[in-house]
C-alpha cells in the first residue's frame, strides 16, 4: 500500500514508451506512455500495480500524475519535436471522477499547445457506469483537438456496449483476443467484420501484442490500420531507441 501511495502522490515512477506503427508503411504514428515502477515490489508487474491502484481508489491520482509527467516531457522536447505524439491511459474510474475531470480541464486549457500532441486511451479496467456522462466528457476532449482511443477492446464483456455508446477516434484490439481470433476461421471472419464495422463508423483500429511476423500479417490481412507490439521494439525510456528498431523489410511489398 505504501508503494502505491508513494507512486500516486509523488509521481514516483518512470515513463516508458512503445510505438504505434502503421501496418503497411511502418511509419510511427504515436507512442503509448507506459508506467514503470523502480524500486517497487518485484513480485508485481506494472499491470498489477495499476490494478492495485484501481482497487485502492488511487488510480485517479495516478492518472493525473501521468498526464502531468507527459505534459512536462512534451514541453521539454520543444517545438522541434512537435510531430511527436503521446497517448496516456485514463481509467474508467477517472472519467467518473469530477475532481479528476476538473483538473484535466484546467491542464488542457492552460496548455493549448498540446492539441494534436496528446491522445487519451480509455481503459476498461473499471466499468463505465454512466455511459452518457462518459461520452459527454470524451466529446469535450475531442472538440478540444485530442483524439480518444478505446483501449483493450474485446477483453471485457462491455466492449460492444462501449463501442455503440461512446464516440471515439481509435479502437485498440486486445492482444490476447486477437491471438485467439487467429486460431479459427470463425475468429478471423469475426475480426475482419469488426474492423470493417469500425471503418464504417470512422474509427481507426490498432492491433495490439504483435510479437512476430505472422501476427503482423494476420492483423494487416484483417484490415487493422495500426499495430503495436514487441516486433517493433520493447518499451523504452527514450524514443530514440525505436529509430532503427522497426525492420524495414516488414513493410516492403513481397515479390
Protein backbone atom coordinates (compact mmCIF):
# COMPACT_ATOMS: atom_id res chain seq x y z
CA UNK A 1 0.00 0.00 0.00
CA UNK A 2 2.82 2.44 0.85
CA UNK A 3 4.33 1.87 -2.58
CA UNK A 4 1.03 2.63 -4.32
CA UNK A 5 0.53 5.83 -2.31
CA UNK A 6 4.09 6.95 -2.97
CA UNK A 7 3.75 6.33 -6.68
CA UNK A 8 0.38 8.06 -6.93
CA UNK A 9 1.08 11.15 -4.86
CA UNK A 10 4.79 11.69 -5.54
CA UNK A 11 4.74 10.58 -9.21
CA UNK A 12 7.49 8.16 -8.20
CA UNK A 13 7.51 6.20 -11.44
CA UNK A 14 9.20 6.28 -14.82
CA UNK A 15 7.56 6.71 -18.18
CA UNK A 16 8.48 4.26 -20.91
CA UNK A 17 7.23 4.38 -24.48
CA UNK A 18 6.14 1.95 -27.19
CA UNK A 19 5.38 2.96 -30.78
CA UNK A 20 2.10 2.53 -32.62
CA UNK A 21 3.09 1.76 -36.20
CA UNK A 22 1.20 1.98 -39.49
CA UNK A 23 0.57 -1.63 -40.54
CA UNK A 24 1.57 -1.08 -44.17
CA UNK A 25 4.15 1.69 -44.18
CA UNK A 26 5.90 1.13 -40.86
CA UNK A 27 5.64 4.83 -40.03
CA UNK A 28 5.30 5.61 -36.32
CA UNK A 29 2.01 7.39 -35.69
CA UNK A 30 2.45 8.00 -31.95
CA UNK A 31 3.80 6.45 -28.76
CA UNK A 32 1.92 4.97 -25.83
CA UNK A 33 3.21 6.10 -22.44
CA UNK A 34 3.64 3.21 -20.00
CA UNK A 35 4.44 3.42 -16.30
CA UNK A 36 7.37 1.55 -14.77
CA UNK A 37 8.00 1.40 -11.05
CA UNK A 38 11.66 1.40 -9.98
CA UNK A 39 12.29 0.04 -6.51
CA UNK A 40 8.80 -1.41 -6.26
CA UNK A 41 7.99 -4.96 -5.21
CA UNK A 42 9.42 -7.15 -7.96
CA UNK A 43 6.62 -9.66 -7.44
CA UNK A 44 4.17 -7.20 -9.02
CA UNK A 45 4.06 -6.42 -12.72
CA UNK A 46 3.25 -2.87 -13.94
CA UNK A 47 -0.27 -4.10 -14.74
CA UNK A 48 -0.66 -5.42 -11.20
CA UNK A 49 0.50 -2.09 -9.75
CA UNK A 50 -2.15 -0.29 -11.82
CA UNK A 51 -4.80 -2.83 -10.76
CA UNK A 52 -3.85 -2.25 -7.13
CA UNK A 53 -4.23 1.49 -7.63
CA UNK A 54 -7.70 0.80 -9.08
CA UNK A 55 -8.73 -1.28 -6.07
CA UNK A 56 -7.42 1.23 -3.54
CA UNK A 57 -9.06 4.22 -5.20
CA UNK A 58 -5.75 5.89 -6.07
CA UNK A 59 -5.97 5.44 -9.81
CA UNK A 60 -7.36 8.92 -10.42
CA UNK A 61 -4.36 10.46 -8.64
CA UNK A 62 -2.02 8.23 -10.65
CA UNK A 63 -3.74 9.03 -13.96
CA UNK A 64 -3.31 12.75 -13.41
CA UNK A 65 0.32 12.24 -12.34
CA UNK A 66 0.97 10.52 -15.67
CA UNK A 67 -0.80 13.30 -17.60
CA UNK A 68 1.34 15.94 -15.87
CA UNK A 69 4.51 13.91 -16.47
CA UNK A 70 3.73 13.63 -20.18
CA UNK A 71 2.93 17.33 -20.48
CA UNK A 72 6.32 18.11 -18.95
CA UNK A 73 8.00 15.56 -21.23
CA UNK A 74 6.42 17.03 -24.37
CA UNK A 75 7.23 20.57 -23.25
CA UNK A 76 10.85 19.57 -22.75
CA UNK A 77 11.09 18.42 -26.35
CA UNK A 78 10.13 21.86 -27.64
CA UNK A 79 8.69 22.80 -30.99
CA UNK A 80 11.40 20.93 -32.86
CA UNK A 81 9.59 17.68 -31.99
CA UNK A 82 6.02 18.87 -32.36
CA UNK A 83 5.31 15.88 -34.63
CA UNK A 84 5.89 13.54 -31.65
CA UNK A 85 2.56 12.45 -30.18
CA UNK A 86 1.94 10.52 -26.97
CA UNK A 87 -1.08 8.60 -25.67
CA UNK A 88 -1.79 8.37 -21.95
CA UNK A 89 -4.17 5.94 -20.27
CA UNK A 90 -7.21 7.20 -18.38
CA UNK A 91 -9.14 4.77 -16.20
CA UNK A 92 -12.90 4.43 -16.26
CA UNK A 93 -12.78 5.48 -12.60
CA UNK A 94 -11.08 8.74 -13.55
CA UNK A 95 -13.75 9.51 -16.12
CA UNK A 96 -16.33 9.13 -13.35
CA UNK A 97 -14.40 11.45 -11.00
CA UNK A 98 -15.49 15.09 -11.16
CA UNK A 99 -12.34 16.40 -9.38
CA UNK A 100 -10.18 14.47 -11.84
CA UNK A 101 -12.06 15.83 -14.84
CA UNK A 102 -11.87 19.36 -13.46
CA UNK A 103 -8.10 19.08 -13.04
CA UNK A 104 -7.71 17.68 -16.54
CA UNK A 105 -9.81 20.52 -17.98
CA UNK A 106 -7.51 23.06 -16.31
CA UNK A 107 -4.35 21.34 -17.54
CA UNK A 108 -5.56 21.24 -21.13
CA UNK A 109 -6.89 24.79 -21.01
CA UNK A 110 -3.58 26.10 -19.66
CA UNK A 111 -1.56 24.23 -22.29
CA UNK A 112 -3.31 24.78 -25.64
CA UNK A 113 -0.13 23.79 -27.49
CA UNK A 114 -0.90 20.16 -26.52
CA UNK A 115 -3.62 19.94 -29.17
CA UNK A 116 -2.72 17.17 -31.59
CA UNK A 117 0.22 16.04 -29.46
CA UNK A 118 -1.58 14.32 -26.61
CA UNK A 119 -4.02 11.42 -27.02
CA UNK A 120 -6.10 9.63 -24.41
CA UNK A 121 -6.68 5.88 -24.10
CA UNK A 122 -9.74 4.96 -22.07
CA UNK A 123 -9.14 1.68 -20.25
CA UNK A 124 -11.77 -0.91 -19.36
CA UNK A 125 -10.18 -1.89 -16.06
CA UNK A 126 -13.08 -0.21 -14.26
CA UNK A 127 -16.57 -0.47 -15.72
CA UNK A 128 -18.02 2.77 -17.07
CA UNK A 129 -21.38 3.06 -15.35
CA UNK A 130 -22.83 6.27 -16.81
CA UNK A 131 -22.03 5.98 -20.50
CA UNK A 132 -23.87 9.17 -21.43
CA UNK A 133 -21.77 11.22 -19.00
CA UNK A 134 -18.60 9.43 -20.10
CA UNK A 135 -19.36 10.17 -23.75
CA UNK A 136 -20.02 13.84 -22.99
CA UNK A 137 -16.56 14.06 -21.43
CA UNK A 138 -14.93 12.28 -24.38
CA UNK A 139 -16.60 14.62 -26.84
CA UNK A 140 -15.30 17.60 -24.89
CA UNK A 141 -11.79 16.22 -25.29
CA UNK A 142 -12.32 15.63 -28.99
CA UNK A 143 -13.68 19.14 -29.56
CA UNK A 144 -10.50 20.48 -27.97
CA UNK A 145 -8.45 18.57 -30.53
CA UNK A 146 -7.50 15.50 -28.50
CA UNK A 147 -8.04 12.08 -30.08
CA UNK A 148 -9.66 9.44 -27.88
CA UNK A 149 -8.98 5.71 -28.01
CA UNK A 150 -10.97 2.82 -26.51
CA UNK A 151 -8.28 0.51 -25.11
CA UNK A 152 -8.25 -3.31 -24.82
CA UNK A 153 -11.34 -3.83 -26.97
CA UNK A 154 -12.51 -7.43 -26.68
CA UNK A 155 -11.02 -8.01 -23.23
CA UNK A 156 -14.20 -7.10 -21.34
CA UNK A 157 -17.84 -8.04 -21.65
CA UNK A 158 -18.87 -4.40 -22.13
CA UNK A 159 -16.71 -3.73 -25.21
CA UNK A 160 -19.53 -3.70 -27.74
CA UNK A 161 -21.75 -1.63 -25.47
CA UNK A 162 -18.95 0.91 -25.23
CA UNK A 163 -18.44 0.96 -28.98
CA UNK A 164 -22.14 1.63 -29.56
CA UNK A 165 -22.39 4.38 -26.92
CA UNK A 166 -19.01 6.12 -26.95
CA UNK A 167 -17.84 8.15 -29.94
CA UNK A 168 -14.10 7.58 -30.21
CA UNK A 169 -11.39 8.00 -32.81
CA UNK A 170 -9.50 4.74 -32.27
CA UNK A 171 -10.21 1.21 -31.02
CA UNK A 172 -7.29 -0.87 -29.77
CA UNK A 173 -7.92 -4.59 -30.25
CA UNK A 174 -6.85 -6.57 -27.19
CA UNK A 175 -3.77 -8.66 -27.95
CA UNK A 176 -4.96 -11.87 -26.25
CA UNK A 177 -8.31 -11.61 -28.00
CA UNK A 178 -6.55 -11.03 -31.32
CA UNK A 179 -4.35 -14.09 -30.72
CA UNK A 180 -7.46 -16.19 -30.09
CA UNK A 181 -9.02 -14.97 -33.33
CA UNK A 182 -6.08 -16.42 -35.24
CA UNK A 183 -6.96 -19.93 -34.07
CA UNK A 184 -10.16 -20.40 -36.10
CA UNK A 185 -11.68 -19.33 -39.39
CA UNK A 186 -14.69 -18.02 -37.50
CA UNK A 187 -12.42 -15.90 -35.30
CA UNK A 188 -10.71 -14.40 -38.32
CA UNK A 189 -14.02 -13.69 -40.06
CA UNK A 190 -15.36 -12.06 -36.91
CA UNK A 191 -12.28 -9.84 -36.60
CA UNK A 192 -12.42 -8.81 -40.26
CA UNK A 193 -16.05 -7.80 -39.88
CA UNK A 194 -15.39 -5.95 -36.64
CA UNK A 195 -12.60 -3.95 -38.26
CA UNK A 196 -14.94 -3.28 -41.16
CA UNK A 197 -17.60 -2.03 -38.74
CA UNK A 198 -15.07 0.30 -37.13
CA UNK A 199 -14.12 1.59 -40.57
CA UNK A 200 -17.79 2.28 -41.36
CA UNK A 201 -18.03 4.22 -38.09
CA UNK A 202 -14.96 6.27 -38.98
CA UNK A 203 -12.94 4.59 -36.21
CA UNK A 204 -9.30 3.61 -36.72
CA UNK A 205 -8.08 0.25 -35.38
CA UNK A 206 -4.83 -0.73 -33.65
CA UNK A 207 -3.91 -4.40 -33.25
CA UNK A 208 -2.01 -4.99 -30.01
CA UNK A 209 0.55 -7.62 -28.98
CA UNK A 210 2.14 -8.04 -32.40
CA UNK A 211 5.17 -10.12 -31.50
CA UNK A 212 6.10 -11.87 -34.73
CA UNK A 213 5.73 -11.54 -38.49
CA UNK A 214 2.81 -13.99 -38.62
CA UNK A 215 0.83 -11.80 -36.22
CA UNK A 216 1.64 -8.73 -38.32
CA UNK A 217 0.46 -10.44 -41.50
CA UNK A 218 -2.73 -11.57 -39.77
CA UNK A 219 -3.55 -8.11 -38.42
CA UNK A 220 -2.72 -6.49 -41.74
CA UNK A 221 -4.79 -9.08 -43.64
CA UNK A 222 -7.79 -8.42 -41.39
CA UNK A 223 -7.58 -4.71 -42.16
CA UNK A 224 -6.06 -3.20 -39.00
CA UNK A 225 -4.62 0.24 -39.75
CA UNK A 226 -2.01 0.31 -36.99
CA UNK A 227 -0.10 -2.28 -34.98
CA UNK A 228 1.76 -2.32 -31.66
CA UNK A 229 3.99 -4.92 -30.04
CA UNK A 230 7.44 -6.32 -29.33
CA UNK A 231 8.06 -6.90 -33.04
CA UNK A 232 8.72 -3.16 -33.26
CA UNK A 233 10.66 -2.89 -30.01
CA UNK A 234 10.11 -3.38 -26.29
CA UNK A 235 9.06 -0.36 -24.22
CA UNK A 236 11.95 2.07 -23.77
CA UNK A 237 12.55 5.25 -21.78
CA UNK A 238 13.98 7.03 -24.86
CA UNK A 239 12.01 7.09 -28.10
CA UNK A 240 15.31 7.27 -29.99
CA UNK A 241 15.56 3.55 -29.27
CA UNK A 242 12.97 2.94 -31.99
CA UNK A 243 14.84 4.81 -34.70
CA UNK A 244 16.37 1.58 -36.02
CA UNK A 245 14.20 -0.96 -34.21
CA UNK A 246 11.48 -1.32 -36.84
CA UNK A 247 12.72 -3.67 -39.61
CA UNK A 248 12.03 -2.00 -42.98
CA UNK A 249 11.77 -5.41 -44.66
CA UNK A 250 8.48 -6.00 -42.85
CA UNK A 251 6.90 -3.25 -44.89
CA UNK A 252 8.38 -3.89 -48.31
CA UNK A 253 5.97 -5.33 -50.91
CA UNK A 254 6.59 -9.05 -51.27
CA UNK A 255 7.57 -10.37 -54.68
